[in-house]
Amino acid sequence: MAVLPVVEVPDPRLRLVSRPVEAIDDDVRAFVADLIETMYAAHGIGLAAIQVGVDRRILVIDLQEGRDAEDQPVRDPRAYINPELVSVSDDLSTYNEGCLSIPEQYAEVARPARCRLRWQDERGERHEAELDGLLATCMQHEIDHLNGVLFTDHLSRLKRDMVMRKLAKLRKAA
């Protein structure tokens, strides 16, 4: 396993629409392991392949919601290959979203509260499930990446400009 470099804005690769995975083989499984390792190293809860410069429809998520006896997060990473939103709810939920490709910047984003998802796992098995809460939000955020969309695209121009100015100031200070 390897920790891969995370692509950051304004890299044009973040605007690419990712290609479907045709065959799930050992190379894809090794890449999924690298994505998971990279997500943990960057302290994220989700990561899309395009965020490491690979335009394939693969994402990983681990909300790390549980705690073990030593109060450490319980890891339960999941891979979603060729994920597809089948439907979304009309009601919305708002979360303060951040993104590893837009470091240390956060903003309130309203998204459908629930979604129905279809995907394949790293063994090639097909799944379909109803998601809600943080998992639904995270899934929609990561699928946006696969479609060349950033969370800042859901903000007003004023809020988006504020986020980008803060990021520029942070980079300049570093």
C-alpha atoms as a PDB file:
ATOM      1  CA  MET A   1       0.000   0.000   0.000  1.00  0.00           C
ATOM      2  CA  ALA A   2       1.096   3.549  -0.704  1.00  0.00           C
ATOM      3  CA  VAL A   3       0.041   7.022   0.315  1.00  0.00           C
ATOM      4  CA  LEU A   4      -0.658   8.955  -2.885  1.00  0.00           C
ATOM      5  CA  PRO A   5      -0.405  12.740  -3.317  1.00  0.00           C
ATOM      6  CA  VAL A   6      -3.792  14.480  -3.103  1.00  0.00           C
ATOM      7  CA  VAL A   7      -4.618  16.808  -6.008  1.00  0.00           C
ATOM      8  CA  GLU A   8      -5.695  20.288  -4.897  1.00  0.00           C
ATOM      9  CA  VAL A   9      -7.585  23.141  -6.566  1.00  0.00           C
ATOM     10  CA  PRO A  10      -7.106  24.640  -9.086  1.00  0.00           C
ATOM     11  CA  ASP A  11      -5.735  21.443 -10.709  1.00  0.00           C
ATOM     12  CA  PRO A  12      -7.841  20.896 -13.875  1.00  0.00           C
ATOM     13  CA  ARG A  13      -8.017  17.130 -13.279  1.00  0.00           C
ATOM     14  CA  LEU A  14     -10.562  17.839 -10.529  1.00  0.00           C
ATOM     15  CA  ARG A  15     -12.979  18.948 -13.280  1.00  0.00           C
ATOM     16  CA  LEU A  16     -12.728  15.712 -15.286  1.00  0.00           C
ATOM     17  CA  VAL A  17     -15.657  13.304 -15.510  1.00  0.00           C
ATOM     18  CA  SER A  18     -14.222   9.970 -14.409  1.00  0.00           C
ATOM     19  CA  ARG A  19     -14.372   6.872 -16.608  1.00  0.00           C
ATOM     20  CA  PRO A  20     -16.171   3.695 -15.516  1.00  0.00           C
ATOM     21  CA  VAL A  21     -14.125   0.746 -14.300  1.00  0.00           C
ATOM     22  CA  GLU A  22     -14.470  -2.002 -16.897  1.00  0.00           C
ATOM     23  CA  ALA A  23     -12.936  -4.893 -14.941  1.00  0.00           C
ATOM     24  CA  ILE A  24     -12.294  -5.273 -11.227  1.00  0.00           C
ATOM     25  CA  ASP A  25      -8.946  -7.017 -10.952  1.00  0.00           C
ATOM     26  CA  ASP A  26      -5.924  -7.137  -8.652  1.00  0.00           C
ATOM     27  CA  ASP A  27      -4.713  -3.739  -9.939  1.00  0.00           C
ATOM     28  CA  VAL A  28      -8.046  -2.146  -9.020  1.00  0.00           C
ATOM     29  CA  ARG A  29      -7.991  -3.817  -5.599  1.00  0.00           C
ATOM     30  CA  ALA A  30      -4.416  -2.571  -4.991  1.00  0.00           C
ATOM     31  CA  PHE A  31      -5.482   0.933  -6.032  1.00  0.00           C
ATOM     32  CA  VAL A  32      -8.448   0.769  -3.616  1.00  0.00           C
ATOM     33  CA  ALA A  33      -6.014  -0.152  -0.805  1.00  0.00           C
ATOM     34  CA  ASP A  34      -3.851   2.866  -1.763  1.00  0.00           C
ATOM     35  CA  LEU A  35      -6.919   5.137  -1.751  1.00  0.00           C
ATOM     36  CA  ILE A  36      -7.871   3.942   1.723  1.00  0.00           C
ATOM     37  CA  GLU A  37      -4.323   4.440   3.006  1.00  0.00           C
ATOM     38  CA  THR A  38      -4.241   7.934   1.466  1.00  0.00           C
ATOM     39  CA  MET A  39      -7.630   8.846   2.971  1.00  0.00           C
ATOM     40  CA  TYR A  40      -6.437   7.869   6.455  1.00  0.00           C
ATOM     41  CA  ALA A  41      -3.075   9.646   6.052  1.00  0.00           C
ATOM     42  CA  ALA A  42      -4.920  12.841   5.055  1.00  0.00           C
ATOM     43  CA  HIS A  43      -7.412  12.450   7.954  1.00  0.00           C
ATOM     44  CA  GLY A  44     -10.393  12.313   5.604  1.00  0.00           C
ATOM     45  CA  ILE A  45     -13.623  10.340   5.682  1.00  0.00           C
ATOM     46  CA  GLY A  46     -13.940   9.984   1.906  1.00  0.00           C
ATOM     47  CA  LEU A  47     -11.729  10.097  -1.161  1.00  0.00           C
ATOM     48  CA  ALA A  48     -12.459   9.795  -4.877  1.00  0.00           C
ATOM     49  CA  ALA A  49      -9.905   8.410  -7.327  1.00  0.00           C
ATOM     50  CA  ILE A  50      -9.724  11.700  -9.229  1.00  0.00           C
ATOM     51  CA  GLN A  51      -8.460  13.356  -6.041  1.00  0.00           C
ATOM     52  CA  VAL A  52      -5.228  11.432  -6.551  1.00  0.00           C
ATOM     53  CA  GLY A  53      -5.239  12.154 -10.292  1.00  0.00           C
ATOM     54  CA  VAL A  54      -6.853   8.907 -11.503  1.00  0.00           C
ATOM     55  CA  ASP A  55     -10.003   9.429 -13.582  1.00  0.00           C
ATOM     56  CA  ARG A  56     -11.750   6.170 -12.678  1.00  0.00           C
ATOM     57  CA  ARG A  57     -15.159   5.848 -11.003  1.00  0.00           C
ATOM     58  CA  ILE A  58     -13.848   4.609  -7.658  1.00  0.00           C
ATOM     59  CA  LEU A  59     -14.290   6.117  -4.216  1.00  0.00           C
ATOM     60  CA  VAL A  60     -13.697   5.054  -0.641  1.00  0.00           C
ATOM     61  CA  ILE A  61     -15.478   6.115   2.539  1.00  0.00           C
ATOM     62  CA  ASP A  62     -14.977   5.464   6.230  1.00  0.00           C
ATOM     63  CA  LEU A  63     -17.001   7.678   8.555  1.00  0.00           C
ATOM     64  CA  GLN A  64     -15.081   6.244  11.559  1.00  0.00           C
ATOM     65  CA  GLU A  65     -18.122   6.804  13.755  1.00  0.00           C
ATOM     66  CA  GLY A  66     -17.470   4.089  16.333  1.00  0.00           C
ATOM     67  CA  ARG A  67     -14.821   4.039  19.099  1.00  0.00           C
ATOM     68  CA  ASP A  68     -12.811   1.126  20.483  1.00  0.00           C
ATOM     69  CA  ALA A  69     -11.825   0.455  24.121  1.00  0.00           C
ATOM     70  CA  GLU A  70      -8.902   2.930  23.832  1.00  0.00           C
ATOM     71  CA  ASP A  71     -11.270   5.595  22.420  1.00  0.00           C
ATOM     72  CA  GLN A  72      -9.714   5.288  18.958  1.00  0.00           C
ATOM     73  CA  PRO A  73     -11.916   5.447  15.846  1.00  0.00           C
ATOM     74  CA  VAL A  74     -13.023   2.051  14.595  1.00  0.00           C
ATOM     75  CA  ARG A  75     -11.996   1.748  10.973  1.00  0.00           C
ATOM     76  CA  ASP A  76     -14.499   0.279   8.549  1.00  0.00           C
ATOM     77  CA  PRO A  77     -13.404   1.391   5.066  1.00  0.00           C
ATOM     78  CA  ARG A  78     -15.714   0.693   2.143  1.00  0.00           C
ATOM     79  CA  ALA A  79     -14.946   0.852  -1.569  1.00  0.00           C
ATOM     80  CA  TYR A  80     -17.569   1.908  -4.105  1.00  0.00           C
ATOM     81  CA  ILE A  81     -16.771   1.128  -7.719  1.00  0.00           C
ATOM     82  CA  ASN A  82     -18.902   2.637 -10.482  1.00  0.00           C
ATOM     83  CA  PRO A  83     -21.277   4.189  -7.926  1.00  0.00           C
ATOM     84  CA  GLU A  84     -24.524   5.508  -9.338  1.00  0.00           C
ATOM     85  CA  LEU A  85     -27.172   7.603  -7.620  1.00  0.00           C
ATOM     86  CA  VAL A  86     -30.465   5.908  -8.478  1.00  0.00           C
ATOM     87  CA  SER A  87     -32.621   8.483  -6.686  1.00  0.00           C
ATOM     88  CA  VAL A  88     -32.423  11.273  -4.127  1.00  0.00           C
ATOM     89  CA  SER A  89     -34.958  12.601  -1.630  1.00  0.00           C
ATOM     90  CA  ASP A  90     -36.692  15.947  -1.971  1.00  0.00           C
ATOM     91  CA  ASP A  91     -35.889  16.906   1.616  1.00  0.00           C
ATOM     92  CA  LEU A  92     -32.474  18.383   2.294  1.00  0.00           C
ATOM     93  CA  SER A  93     -29.824  18.128   5.011  1.00  0.00           C
ATOM     94  CA  THR A  94     -27.142  20.711   5.592  1.00  0.00           C
ATOM     95  CA  TYR A  95     -23.612  19.758   6.658  1.00  0.00           C
ATOM     96  CA  ASN A  96     -20.477  21.783   7.136  1.00  0.00           C
ATOM     97  CA  GLU A  97     -18.457  20.167   4.346  1.00  0.00           C
ATOM     98  CA  GLY A  98     -14.746  20.179   3.755  1.00  0.00           C
ATOM     99  CA  CYS A  99     -12.579  18.568   1.113  1.00  0.00           C
ATOM    100  CA  LEU A 100      -9.055  17.175   1.002  1.00  0.00           C
ATOM    101  CA  SER A 101      -8.634  18.923  -2.381  1.00  0.00           C
ATOM    102  CA  ILE A 102      -9.556  22.292  -0.827  1.00  0.00           C
ATOM    103  CA  PRO A 103      -7.555  21.988   2.403  1.00  0.00           C
ATOM    104  CA  GLU A 104      -8.770  23.451   5.684  1.00  0.00           C
ATOM    105  CA  GLN A 105     -11.797  25.139   4.089  1.00  0.00           C
ATOM    106  CA  TYR A 106     -15.372  24.413   5.138  1.00  0.00           C
ATOM    107  CA  ALA A 107     -18.837  25.643   4.223  1.00  0.00           C
ATOM    108  CA  GLU A 108     -22.469  24.713   4.834  1.00  0.00           C
ATOM    109  CA  VAL A 109     -23.826  22.714   1.883  1.00  0.00           C
ATOM    110  CA  ALA A 110     -27.431  21.556   1.486  1.00  0.00           C
ATOM    111  CA  ARG A 111     -27.883  18.181  -0.248  1.00  0.00           C
ATOM    112  CA  PRO A 112     -30.650  15.605  -0.447  1.00  0.00           C
ATOM    113  CA  ALA A 113     -31.043  13.984   2.977  1.00  0.00           C
ATOM    114  CA  ARG A 114     -31.308  10.467   1.518  1.00  0.00           C
ATOM    115  CA  CYS A 115     -30.175   8.744  -1.631  1.00  0.00           C
ATOM    116  CA  ARG A 116     -30.445   5.333  -3.223  1.00  0.00           C
ATOM    117  CA  LEU A 117     -27.097   4.049  -4.477  1.00  0.00           C
ATOM    118  CA  ARG A 118     -26.045   1.263  -6.827  1.00  0.00           C
ATOM    119  CA  TRP A 119     -22.377   0.161  -6.938  1.00  0.00           C
ATOM    120  CA  GLN A 120     -19.884  -2.686  -7.088  1.00  0.00           C
ATOM    121  CA  ASP A 121     -17.458  -3.619  -4.329  1.00  0.00           C
ATOM    122  CA  GLU A 122     -13.809  -4.601  -4.789  1.00  0.00           C
ATOM    123  CA  ARG A 123     -14.854  -8.224  -5.375  1.00  0.00           C
ATOM    124  CA  GLY A 124     -17.103  -7.145  -8.245  1.00  0.00           C
ATOM    125  CA  GLU A 125     -20.329  -7.885  -6.361  1.00  0.00           C
ATOM    126  CA  ARG A 126     -23.230  -5.554  -7.126  1.00  0.00           C
ATOM    127  CA  HIS A 127     -25.093  -3.740  -4.365  1.00  0.00           C
ATOM    128  CA  GLU A 128     -27.974  -1.320  -3.986  1.00  0.00           C
ATOM    129  CA  ALA A 129     -28.892   0.479  -0.759  1.00  0.00           C
ATOM    130  CA  GLU A 130     -30.713   3.459   0.711  1.00  0.00           C
ATOM    131  CA  LEU A 131     -28.310   5.869   2.465  1.00  0.00           C
ATOM    132  CA  ASP A 132     -29.067   8.691   4.879  1.00  0.00           C
ATOM    133  CA  GLY A 133     -27.321  11.016   7.305  1.00  0.00           C
ATOM    134  CA  LEU A 134     -23.621  11.712   6.974  1.00  0.00           C
ATOM    135  CA  LEU A 135     -23.101   8.685   4.723  1.00  0.00           C
ATOM    136  CA  ALA A 136     -25.585  10.065   2.159  1.00  0.00           C
ATOM    137  CA  THR A 137     -23.896  13.474   2.275  1.00  0.00           C
ATOM    138  CA  CYS A 138     -20.398  12.031   1.970  1.00  0.00           C
ATOM    139  CA  MET A 139     -21.454   9.746  -0.878  1.00  0.00           C
ATOM    140  CA  GLN A 140     -22.983  12.634  -2.837  1.00  0.00           C
ATOM    141  CA  HIS A 141     -19.850  14.738  -2.204  1.00  0.00           C
ATOM    142  CA  GLU A 142     -17.555  11.967  -3.511  1.00  0.00           C
ATOM    143  CA  ILE A 143     -19.776  11.171  -6.518  1.00  0.00           C
ATOM    144  CA  ASP A 144     -19.678  14.890  -7.330  1.00  0.00           C
ATOM    145  CA  HIS A 145     -15.882  14.502  -7.569  1.00  0.00           C
ATOM    146  CA  LEU A 146     -16.338  11.668 -10.072  1.00  0.00           C
ATOM    147  CA  ASN A 147     -18.440  14.087 -12.141  1.00  0.00           C
ATOM    148  CA  GLY A 148     -15.969  16.987 -11.964  1.00  0.00           C
ATOM    149  CA  VAL A 149     -17.963  18.911  -9.333  1.00  0.00           C
ATOM    150  CA  LEU A 150     -16.531  20.412  -6.125  1.00  0.00           C
ATOM    151  CA  PHE A 151     -18.473  21.205  -2.952  1.00  0.00           C
ATOM    152  CA  THR A 152     -17.792  24.900  -3.600  1.00  0.00           C
ATOM    153  CA  ASP A 153     -19.909  24.620  -6.776  1.00  0.00           C
ATOM    154  CA  HIS A 154     -22.939  24.255  -4.478  1.00  0.00           C
ATOM    155  CA  LEU A 155     -22.216  27.611  -2.808  1.00  0.00           C
ATOM    156  CA  SER A 156     -23.237  31.100  -3.821  1.00  0.00           C
ATOM    157  CA  ARG A 157     -20.594  32.994  -5.772  1.00  0.00           C
ATOM    158  CA  LEU A 158     -19.929  35.187  -2.724  1.00  0.00           C
ATOM    159  CA  LYS A 159     -19.353  32.216  -0.391  1.00  0.00           C
ATOM    160  CA  ARG A 160     -17.280  30.368  -3.014  1.00  0.00           C
ATOM    161  CA  ASP A 161     -15.058  33.447  -3.484  1.00  0.00           C
ATOM    162  CA  MET A 162     -14.633  33.744   0.299  1.00  0.00           C
ATOM    163  CA  VAL A 163     -13.516  30.097   0.558  1.00  0.00           C
ATOM    164  CA  MET A 164     -11.034  30.527  -2.294  1.00  0.00           C
ATOM    165  CA  ARG A 165      -9.617  33.756  -0.805  1.00  0.00           C
ATOM    166  CA  LYS A 166      -9.128  32.018   2.554  1.00  0.00           C
ATOM    167  CA  LEU A 167      -7.350  29.139   0.790  1.00  0.00           C
ATOM    168  CA  ALA A 168      -5.085  31.572  -1.098  1.00  0.00           C
ATOM    169  CA  LYS A 169      -4.248  33.360   2.165  1.00  0.00           C
ATOM    170  CA  LEU A 170      -3.481  30.017   3.864  1.00  0.00           C
ATOM    171  CA  ARG A 171      -1.192  28.970   1.007  1.00  0.00           C
ATOM    172  CA  LYS A 172       0.583  32.320   0.991  1.00  0.00           C
ATOM    173  CA  ALA A 173       1.224  32.069   4.751  1.00  0.00           C
ATOM    174  CA  ALA A 174       2.709  28.581   4.317  1.00  0.00           C
END
